[in-house]
N, C-alpha and C. Protein backbone atom coordinates (compact mmCIF):
# COMPACT_ATOMS: atom_id res chain seq x y z
N UNK A 1 -12.99 47.09 0.54
CA UNK A 1 -11.97 46.76 1.11
C UNK A 1 -10.93 47.71 1.29
N UNK A 2 -10.27 48.27 2.47
CA UNK A 2 -9.30 49.21 2.64
C UNK A 2 -8.35 48.58 1.60
N UNK A 3 -7.39 49.79 1.08
CA UNK A 3 -5.93 50.07 0.50
C UNK A 3 -5.31 48.98 1.12
N UNK A 4 -5.22 49.59 2.29
CA UNK A 4 -4.09 48.14 2.90
C UNK A 4 -4.17 46.81 2.88
N UNK A 5 -5.92 46.33 3.14
CA UNK A 5 -5.76 45.31 3.07
C UNK A 5 -5.54 44.45 1.93
N UNK A 6 -6.32 45.24 0.57
CA UNK A 6 -5.98 45.12 -0.94
C UNK A 6 -4.59 44.74 -1.26
N UNK A 7 -3.73 45.67 -0.58
CA UNK A 7 -2.17 45.73 -0.99
C UNK A 7 -1.38 44.55 -0.64
N UNK A 8 -2.24 44.60 0.99
CA UNK A 8 -1.14 42.73 1.79
C UNK A 8 -1.64 41.90 1.18
N UNK A 9 -3.24 41.77 0.58
CA UNK A 9 -3.14 40.34 -0.42
C UNK A 9 -2.85 40.31 -1.74
N UNK A 10 -2.29 41.34 -2.35
CA UNK A 10 -1.73 41.12 -3.45
C UNK A 10 -0.39 41.00 -3.60
N UNK A 11 0.26 41.48 -2.09
CA UNK A 11 1.56 40.79 -2.04
C UNK A 11 1.54 39.41 -1.56
N UNK A 12 1.07 39.34 -0.96
CA UNK A 12 0.74 37.68 -0.81
C UNK A 12 0.36 36.62 -1.65
N UNK A 13 -0.05 37.17 -3.10
CA UNK A 13 -0.72 36.46 -3.94
C UNK A 13 0.65 36.54 -4.78
N UNK A 14 1.36 37.76 -4.96
CA UNK A 14 2.55 37.34 -5.70
C UNK A 14 3.80 37.07 -5.10
N UNK A 15 3.57 36.55 -3.71
CA UNK A 15 4.73 35.42 -3.00
C UNK A 15 4.82 34.84 -3.41
N UNK A 16 3.29 33.77 -3.43
CA UNK A 16 2.76 32.49 -3.61
C UNK A 16 3.25 32.40 -5.04
N UNK A 17 2.67 33.17 -5.65
CA UNK A 17 2.84 32.58 -7.19
C UNK A 17 5.14 32.11 -7.51
N UNK A 18 5.35 33.23 -6.99
CA UNK A 18 6.81 33.53 -6.79
C UNK A 18 7.43 32.00 -6.47
N UNK A 19 6.93 31.56 -5.38
CA UNK A 19 7.29 30.17 -4.55
C UNK A 19 7.05 29.27 -5.39
N UNK A 20 5.99 29.38 -5.93
CA UNK A 20 5.55 28.04 -6.59
C UNK A 20 6.69 27.95 -8.15
N UNK A 21 6.49 29.31 -8.67
CA UNK A 21 7.62 29.35 -9.82
C UNK A 21 9.28 28.75 -9.48
N UNK A 22 9.62 28.82 -8.33
CA UNK A 22 10.87 28.88 -7.68
C UNK A 22 10.58 27.11 -7.06
N UNK A 23 9.99 26.55 -6.73
CA UNK A 23 9.63 25.32 -6.25
C UNK A 23 9.19 24.58 -7.86
N UNK A 24 8.73 24.75 -8.43
CA UNK A 24 8.14 23.92 -10.10
C UNK A 24 9.59 23.96 -10.84
N UNK A 25 10.32 25.07 -10.90
CA UNK A 25 11.39 24.95 -11.73
C UNK A 25 12.66 24.10 -11.17
N UNK A 26 12.58 24.15 -9.77
CA UNK A 26 13.14 23.40 -9.06
C UNK A 26 13.41 22.07 -9.17
N UNK A 27 12.01 21.61 -9.06
CA UNK A 27 11.55 20.27 -8.78
C UNK A 27 11.15 19.76 -10.57
N UNK A 28 11.55 20.81 -11.59
CA UNK A 28 11.52 19.69 -12.62
C UNK A 28 12.82 19.41 -13.31
N UNK A 29 14.17 20.40 -13.04
CA UNK A 29 15.24 21.03 -13.45
C UNK A 29 16.24 19.99 -12.64
N UNK A 30 15.91 19.40 -11.88
CA UNK A 30 16.99 18.77 -10.82
C UNK A 30 16.40 17.23 -10.92
N UNK A 31 17.40 16.86 -10.19
CA UNK A 31 17.24 15.46 -10.02
C UNK A 31 16.81 15.35 -8.72
N UNK A 32 16.29 14.10 -8.44
CA UNK A 32 15.28 14.24 -6.83
C UNK A 32 16.79 14.27 -6.19
N UNK A 33 15.83 14.83 -4.87
CA UNK A 33 16.86 15.38 -3.80
C UNK A 33 17.24 13.96 -3.00
N UNK A 34 16.44 13.02 -3.10
CA UNK A 34 16.35 11.77 -2.19
C UNK A 34 17.62 10.75 -2.64
N UNK A 35 17.17 10.30 -3.92
CA UNK A 35 18.13 9.49 -4.91
C UNK A 35 19.39 9.86 -6.04
N UNK A 36 18.97 11.28 -6.72
CA UNK A 36 19.69 11.86 -7.17
C UNK A 36 19.85 11.24 -9.03
N UNK A 37 19.05 10.32 -9.06
CA UNK A 37 18.92 9.59 -9.84
C UNK A 37 18.09 9.68 -11.58
N UNK A 38 17.01 10.36 -10.91
CA UNK A 38 15.43 10.62 -11.89
C UNK A 38 14.90 12.17 -11.48
N UNK A 39 14.61 12.37 -12.61
CA UNK A 39 13.75 13.58 -12.22
C UNK A 39 13.08 13.66 -10.74
N UNK A 40 12.35 14.48 -9.83
CA UNK A 40 11.99 14.73 -8.86
C UNK A 40 10.39 15.21 -9.52
N UNK A 41 9.65 14.13 -9.74
CA UNK A 41 8.34 14.43 -9.97
C UNK A 41 7.70 13.80 -8.97
N UNK A 42 6.47 14.06 -8.64
CA UNK A 42 5.13 13.61 -8.43
C UNK A 42 5.37 11.98 -8.37
N UNK A 43 5.30 11.63 -9.30
CA UNK A 43 5.03 9.88 -9.54
C UNK A 43 6.59 9.31 -9.08
N UNK A 44 7.46 10.15 -9.28
CA UNK A 44 9.05 9.40 -8.69
C UNK A 44 9.07 9.43 -7.29
N UNK A 45 9.07 10.77 -6.62
CA UNK A 45 8.87 10.58 -5.16
C UNK A 45 7.87 9.59 -4.72
N UNK A 46 6.34 9.51 -4.92
CA UNK A 46 5.41 8.56 -4.66
C UNK A 46 5.78 7.34 -4.73
N UNK A 47 6.39 7.08 -6.05
CA UNK A 47 6.25 5.37 -6.10
C UNK A 47 6.82 4.87 -6.68
N UNK A 48 8.77 5.26 -7.11
CA UNK A 48 9.59 5.05 -7.80
C UNK A 48 11.36 5.13 -7.27
N UNK A 49 11.27 5.92 -6.29
CA UNK A 49 12.48 6.53 -5.85
C UNK A 49 13.03 5.12 -4.87
N UNK A 50 14.21 4.65 -5.01
CA UNK A 50 14.45 3.45 -4.70
C UNK A 50 14.89 3.70 -3.22
N UNK A 51 15.16 4.72 -2.73
CA UNK A 51 15.70 5.24 -1.76
C UNK A 51 14.55 4.99 -0.33
N UNK A 52 12.95 5.45 -0.98
CA UNK A 52 11.91 5.42 -0.19
C UNK A 52 11.64 4.19 -0.44
N UNK A 53 11.68 3.39 -1.09
CA UNK A 53 11.05 1.91 -0.86
C UNK A 53 11.59 0.78 0.19
N UNK A 54 12.49 0.76 0.76
CA UNK A 54 12.78 0.19 1.88
C UNK A 54 12.05 0.84 2.99
N UNK A 55 11.89 1.68 3.01
CA UNK A 55 11.03 2.15 4.55
C UNK A 55 9.70 3.37 4.05
N UNK A 56 9.73 3.81 3.42
CA UNK A 56 8.26 4.65 3.21
C UNK A 56 7.25 3.84 2.70
N UNK A 57 7.45 3.13 1.82
CA UNK A 57 6.81 2.41 0.86
C UNK A 57 6.39 1.21 1.40
N UNK A 58 7.18 0.95 2.25
CA UNK A 58 6.77 -0.27 3.21
C UNK A 58 5.77 0.23 4.52
N UNK A 59 6.23 1.20 5.12
CA UNK A 59 5.27 1.82 5.86
C UNK A 59 3.82 1.97 5.15
N UNK A 60 3.67 2.80 3.76
CA UNK A 60 2.40 3.17 3.54
C UNK A 60 1.68 1.46 3.25
N UNK A 61 2.37 0.55 2.51
CA UNK A 61 1.48 -0.56 2.24
C UNK A 61 1.31 -1.44 3.36
N UNK A 62 2.42 -1.76 4.69
CA UNK A 62 1.73 -2.38 5.44
C UNK A 62 0.66 -1.79 6.90
N UNK A 63 0.42 -0.32 6.81
CA UNK A 63 -0.49 0.41 6.55
C UNK A 63 -1.47 0.44 5.95
N UNK A 64 -1.75 0.02 5.19
CA UNK A 64 -3.18 -0.43 4.29
C UNK A 64 -3.30 -1.67 4.62
N UNK A 65 -2.28 -2.76 4.87
CA UNK A 65 -2.55 -3.94 4.75
C UNK A 65 -3.24 -4.46 6.29
N UNK A 66 -2.87 -4.02 7.51
CA UNK A 66 -3.22 -3.85 8.20
C UNK A 66 -4.54 -3.33 8.25
N UNK A 67 -5.07 -2.39 7.86
CA UNK A 67 -6.39 -1.76 7.51
C UNK A 67 -7.49 -2.96 7.11
N UNK A 68 -6.89 -3.22 6.26
CA UNK A 68 -7.56 -4.61 5.78
C UNK A 68 -7.88 -5.97 6.43
N UNK A 69 -7.07 -6.32 6.71
CA UNK A 69 -6.87 -7.22 8.18
C UNK A 69 -7.92 -7.23 9.07
N UNK A 70 -7.41 -5.96 9.58
CA UNK A 70 -8.70 -5.50 10.96
C UNK A 70 -9.78 -5.85 10.41
N UNK A 71 -10.49 -5.23 9.14
CA UNK A 71 -11.79 -5.12 8.78
C UNK A 71 -12.41 -6.37 8.48
N UNK A 72 -11.49 -7.18 7.92
CA UNK A 72 -11.53 -8.95 8.11
C UNK A 72 -11.82 -9.13 9.28
N UNK A 73 -10.80 -9.25 9.86
CA UNK A 73 -10.75 -10.27 11.37
C UNK A 73 -12.43 -10.05 11.99
N UNK A 74 -12.67 -8.30 11.91
CA UNK A 74 -13.95 -7.88 13.04
C UNK A 74 -15.32 -8.44 11.73
N UNK A 75 -15.44 -8.89 10.77
CA UNK A 75 -16.18 -8.87 10.01
C UNK A 75 -16.66 -10.42 9.96
N UNK A 76 -15.31 -11.64 10.14
CA UNK A 76 -14.99 -12.87 10.52
C UNK A 76 -15.09 -13.09 12.17
N UNK A 77 -15.81 -12.07 12.85
CA UNK A 77 -15.64 -12.18 14.22
C UNK A 77 -14.53 -13.16 14.74
N UNK A 78 -13.27 -12.76 14.39
CA UNK A 78 -12.31 -13.42 14.67
C UNK A 78 -11.64 -12.06 15.69
N UNK A 79 -12.04 -11.43 16.23
CA UNK A 79 -11.55 -10.10 17.31
C UNK A 79 -12.84 -9.47 17.25
N UNK A 80 -12.92 -8.80 18.88
CA UNK A 80 -14.02 -7.65 19.21
C UNK A 80 -13.09 -6.45 19.05
N UNK A 81 -11.77 -6.09 19.03
CA UNK A 81 -10.43 -4.87 19.18
C UNK A 81 -11.40 -3.89 18.68
N UNK A 82 -11.61 -2.76 19.50
CA UNK A 82 -12.29 -1.63 18.75
C UNK A 82 -11.56 -0.56 18.71
N UNK A 83 -10.39 -0.58 18.98
CA UNK A 83 -8.85 0.09 19.19
C UNK A 83 -8.60 0.66 17.29
N UNK A 84 -8.32 2.10 17.41
CA UNK A 84 -8.22 2.58 15.96
C UNK A 84 -7.26 1.52 15.13
N UNK A 85 -7.51 1.78 13.87
CA UNK A 85 -6.66 0.74 12.85
C UNK A 85 -5.08 1.13 13.00
N UNK A 86 -4.57 2.23 13.47
CA UNK A 86 -3.32 2.68 13.62
C UNK A 86 -2.62 2.30 14.55
N UNK A 87 -3.43 1.88 15.47
CA UNK A 87 -3.30 1.17 16.69
C UNK A 87 -2.94 -0.70 16.62
N UNK A 88 -3.51 -1.03 15.82
CA UNK A 88 -3.83 -2.43 15.58
C UNK A 88 -2.32 -3.01 14.90
N UNK A 89 -2.70 -4.28 15.87
CA UNK A 89 -1.19 -5.26 15.55
C UNK A 89 -1.92 -6.37 14.98
N UNK A 90 -1.73 -6.53 13.78
CA UNK A 90 -2.49 -8.37 13.66
C UNK A 90 -1.51 -9.45 13.83
N UNK A 91 -2.24 -10.47 13.90
CA UNK A 91 -1.57 -11.70 14.66
C UNK A 91 -1.19 -12.54 13.73
N UNK A 92 -0.49 -13.32 13.76
CA UNK A 92 0.11 -14.34 12.69
C UNK A 92 -1.13 -15.15 11.78
N UNK A 93 -1.98 -15.51 13.18
CA UNK A 93 -3.10 -16.06 12.58
C UNK A 93 -4.25 -16.41 13.50
N UNK A 94 -5.25 -15.94 12.94
CA UNK A 94 -6.61 -16.13 13.75
C UNK A 94 -7.19 -17.22 13.18
N UNK A 95 -8.22 -17.64 14.08
CA UNK A 95 -9.08 -18.55 13.87
C UNK A 95 -10.40 -18.80 14.75
N UNK A 96 -11.45 -18.92 14.25
CA UNK A 96 -12.77 -19.65 14.75
C UNK A 96 -13.24 -21.03 13.96
N UNK A 97 -14.40 -21.30 14.31
CA UNK A 97 -14.78 -22.31 13.63
C UNK A 97 -15.30 -22.17 12.11
N UNK A 98 -15.70 -21.28 11.28
CA UNK A 98 -16.05 -20.71 10.59
C UNK A 98 -14.31 -20.14 9.63
N UNK A 99 -13.90 -19.71 9.96
CA UNK A 99 -12.90 -18.99 9.43
C UNK A 99 -11.23 -19.09 9.43
N UNK A 100 -10.44 -18.85 9.04
CA UNK A 100 -8.93 -18.70 9.04
C UNK A 100 -8.44 -17.45 8.61
N UNK A 101 -7.76 -16.83 9.34
CA UNK A 101 -6.83 -15.73 8.75
C UNK A 101 -5.60 -15.45 8.87
N UNK A 102 -4.83 -15.67 7.98
CA UNK A 102 -3.41 -15.38 8.11
C UNK A 102 -2.53 -14.26 7.70
N UNK A 103 -1.65 -13.85 8.53
CA UNK A 103 -1.15 -12.38 8.23
C UNK A 103 0.18 -12.33 7.66
N UNK A 104 0.64 -12.18 6.67
CA UNK A 104 1.93 -12.31 6.44
C UNK A 104 2.67 -14.09 6.19
N UNK A 105 1.93 -14.95 6.26
CA UNK A 105 2.35 -16.32 6.62
C UNK A 105 2.27 -17.05 5.33
N UNK A 106 3.16 -18.18 5.14
CA UNK A 106 3.96 -18.82 4.27
C UNK A 106 2.39 -19.64 4.06
N UNK A 107 2.48 -20.46 2.61
CA UNK A 107 1.49 -21.35 2.60
C UNK A 107 2.07 -22.67 2.05
N UNK A 108 1.98 -23.57 2.61
CA UNK A 108 2.68 -25.06 2.30
C UNK A 108 1.76 -25.67 1.72
N UNK A 109 2.53 -26.14 0.78
CA UNK A 109 2.24 -26.74 -0.23
C UNK A 109 3.25 -28.08 -1.07
N UNK A 110 2.50 -29.07 -1.52
CA UNK A 110 3.08 -30.49 -1.63
C UNK A 110 4.36 -30.03 -3.00
N UNK A 111 4.02 -28.98 -3.55
CA UNK A 111 5.34 -28.38 -4.47
C UNK A 111 6.65 -27.52 -4.18
N UNK A 112 7.24 -26.97 -4.26
CA UNK A 112 7.78 -25.81 -3.64
C UNK A 112 7.68 -24.69 -4.91
N UNK A 113 7.04 -23.57 -4.13
CA UNK A 113 6.48 -22.44 -4.97
C UNK A 113 7.37 -20.85 -4.86
N UNK A 114 7.56 -20.36 -5.61
CA UNK A 114 8.66 -19.25 -5.82
C UNK A 114 7.73 -18.65 -5.05
N UNK A 115 6.78 -18.17 -5.11
CA UNK A 115 5.96 -16.64 -4.33
C UNK A 115 4.75 -17.60 -3.79
N UNK A 116 4.71 -17.64 -1.82
CA UNK A 116 3.81 -18.33 -1.42
C UNK A 116 3.95 -17.78 -0.04
N UNK A 117 3.15 -16.44 0.39
CA UNK A 117 3.50 -15.63 1.23
C UNK A 117 2.92 -14.06 0.44
N UNK A 118 1.50 -14.38 0.40
CA UNK A 118 0.94 -13.18 -0.27
C UNK A 118 0.61 -12.55 1.56
N UNK A 119 0.52 -11.60 1.47
CA UNK A 119 0.63 -10.50 2.54
C UNK A 119 -0.86 -11.22 3.42
N UNK A 120 -1.96 -11.26 2.97
CA UNK A 120 -3.27 -11.72 4.04
C UNK A 120 -3.67 -13.08 3.18
N UNK A 121 -3.85 -14.30 4.14
CA UNK A 121 -5.09 -14.75 3.21
C UNK A 121 -6.03 -15.52 4.50
N UNK A 122 -7.25 -15.38 4.01
CA UNK A 122 -8.53 -15.47 4.56
C UNK A 122 -9.13 -16.57 3.63
N UNK A 123 -9.37 -17.73 4.88
CA UNK A 123 -9.97 -18.90 4.43
C UNK A 123 -11.64 -18.95 4.96
N UNK A 124 -12.53 -19.25 4.06
CA UNK A 124 -13.93 -19.68 4.86
C UNK A 124 -13.77 -21.14 4.83
N UNK A 125 -13.83 -21.74 6.11
CA UNK A 125 -13.85 -23.52 6.23
C UNK A 125 -14.90 -23.74 5.62
N UNK A 126 -16.27 -23.28 5.65
CA UNK A 126 -17.63 -24.28 5.65
C UNK A 126 -17.71 -23.92 3.87
N UNK A 127 -17.58 -23.30 3.06
CA UNK A 127 -17.36 -22.92 1.68
C UNK A 127 -15.92 -23.21 0.78
N UNK A 128 -14.72 -23.62 1.80
CA UNK A 128 -14.26 -23.93 1.42
C UNK A 128 -13.05 -23.13 0.38
N UNK A 129 -13.36 -21.70 0.42
CA UNK A 129 -12.73 -20.71 -0.59
C UNK A 129 -11.70 -20.16 0.58
N UNK A 130 -10.53 -19.74 -0.47
CA UNK A 130 -9.24 -19.25 -0.10
C UNK A 130 -9.11 -17.64 -0.63
N UNK A 131 -8.72 -16.95 0.38
CA UNK A 131 -8.66 -15.73 -0.66
C UNK A 131 -7.02 -15.35 -0.17
N UNK A 132 -6.28 -15.03 -1.01
CA UNK A 132 -4.62 -14.52 -1.41
C UNK A 132 -4.76 -13.08 -1.64
N UNK A 133 -4.56 -12.12 -0.53
CA UNK A 133 -4.57 -10.67 -0.97
C UNK A 133 -3.21 -10.43 -0.77
N UNK A 134 -2.61 -9.91 -1.70
CA UNK A 134 -1.44 -9.17 -2.34
C UNK A 134 -1.79 -7.87 -2.09
N UNK A 135 -1.17 -6.54 -1.42
CA UNK A 135 -1.21 -5.48 -1.02
C UNK A 135 -0.66 -4.96 -2.31
N UNK A 136 -1.12 -3.86 -3.18
CA UNK A 136 0.24 -3.23 -3.65
C UNK A 136 -0.50 -1.43 -3.17
N UNK A 137 0.23 -0.23 -3.68
CA UNK A 137 0.07 0.90 -3.51
C UNK A 137 0.78 1.81 -4.68
N UNK A 138 0.22 1.23 -5.67
CA UNK A 138 1.13 1.82 -6.83
C UNK A 138 0.50 3.35 -7.32
N UNK A 139 1.13 3.77 -8.19
CA UNK A 139 1.36 5.06 -8.93
C UNK A 139 0.15 4.72 -9.48
N UNK A 140 -0.70 5.51 -10.09
CA UNK A 140 -1.60 5.30 -11.53
C UNK A 140 -0.73 5.02 -12.50
N UNK A 141 0.56 5.72 -12.77
CA UNK A 141 1.04 5.29 -13.84
C UNK A 141 1.44 3.58 -13.99
N UNK A 142 1.76 2.89 -13.15
CA UNK A 142 1.97 1.25 -13.05
C UNK A 142 0.86 0.50 -12.59
N UNK A 143 -0.51 1.36 -12.62
CA UNK A 143 -1.74 0.52 -11.69
C UNK A 143 -1.99 -0.56 -12.73
N UNK A 144 -1.85 -0.38 -13.72
CA UNK A 144 -2.01 -1.98 -14.60
C UNK A 144 -1.27 -2.72 -14.73
N UNK A 145 0.28 -2.67 -15.23
CA UNK A 145 1.34 -3.53 -14.83
C UNK A 145 1.01 -4.22 -13.33
N UNK A 146 1.01 -3.62 -12.42
CA UNK A 146 1.14 -4.20 -10.87
C UNK A 146 -0.18 -5.23 -10.35
N UNK A 147 -1.50 -5.01 -11.30
CA UNK A 147 -2.28 -5.93 -11.40
C UNK A 147 -2.31 -6.83 -11.92
N UNK A 148 -1.44 -7.10 -13.00
CA UNK A 148 -1.22 -8.14 -14.11
C UNK A 148 0.57 -8.85 -13.50
N UNK A 149 1.14 -8.08 -12.73
CA UNK A 149 2.32 -8.77 -12.04
C UNK A 149 1.81 -9.10 -10.84
N UNK A 150 1.14 -9.10 -10.25
CA UNK A 150 0.60 -9.71 -8.54
C UNK A 150 -0.45 -10.86 -8.94
N UNK A 151 -0.97 -11.04 -10.25
CA UNK A 151 -2.16 -12.15 -10.64
C UNK A 151 -1.22 -13.10 -11.15
N UNK A 152 -0.03 -12.74 -11.86
CA UNK A 152 0.51 -13.67 -12.92
C UNK A 152 1.70 -14.01 -11.35
N UNK A 153 2.06 -13.37 -10.55
CA UNK A 153 3.14 -14.14 -9.28
C UNK A 153 2.13 -15.15 -8.52
N UNK A 154 1.04 -15.07 -8.63
CA UNK A 154 0.19 -16.08 -7.45
C UNK A 154 -0.60 -16.87 -8.34
N UNK A 155 -0.50 -17.01 -9.72
CA UNK A 155 -1.27 -17.94 -10.33
C UNK A 155 -1.38 -19.70 -10.10
N UNK A 156 0.43 -19.33 -10.22
CA UNK A 156 0.53 -21.36 -9.57
C UNK A 156 0.43 -22.12 -8.19
N UNK A 157 0.40 -20.71 -7.44
CA UNK A 157 0.00 -21.27 -5.95
C UNK A 157 -1.23 -21.40 -6.04
N UNK A 158 -2.09 -20.49 -6.50
CA UNK A 158 -3.68 -20.63 -6.63
C UNK A 158 -3.97 -21.99 -7.06
N UNK A 159 -3.27 -22.43 -7.93
CA UNK A 159 -3.66 -23.58 -8.80
C UNK A 159 -3.51 -24.77 -7.94
N UNK A 160 -1.82 -24.66 -6.70
CA UNK A 160 -1.53 -25.57 -5.98
C UNK A 160 -2.87 -25.71 -5.09
N UNK A 161 -3.39 -24.37 -4.38
CA UNK A 161 -4.16 -24.38 -3.40
C UNK A 161 -5.60 -25.37 -3.86
N UNK A 162 -6.12 -24.80 -5.02
CA UNK A 162 -7.21 -25.77 -5.36
C UNK A 162 -7.18 -27.20 -5.72
N UNK A 163 -5.65 -27.34 -6.25
CA UNK A 163 -5.43 -28.80 -6.05
C UNK A 163 -5.73 -29.53 -4.68
N UNK A 164 -5.13 -29.04 -4.12
CA UNK A 164 -5.15 -29.12 -2.01
C UNK A 164 -6.26 -29.34 -1.80
């Protein structure tokens, strides 16, 4: 290796180390630059910042839900759309003789339910199976709690659907 090349690579290495030190020192010692309430950590920015929740987290949630909806619709032969997932716009209701697929649709029941609007509802008409799919994109720190919360949230609705 030439001396100039070695010197150049060493300078780059030192610069990168200094930038990392500056970034991590800033990120761990200061409050979130978006909400200003909590420490700016990866966990906070990706899943807990209240300023990002109504916009960025919703986009991430809906993007994932659209992919799942598209795959279910294709598997049940409800659509033959071959467009990429990022251009897909789910229909509120898709139906054929075997399946029914709802997107963000309230489920009507005999009694009033506090939570009756799962992200996706997939019904197999032949076997009379209904799948309520509620999407969550939690950070690993909140995974177990999110699973329990979602199951508890829709348990009453699931019981009511079985009764119907």
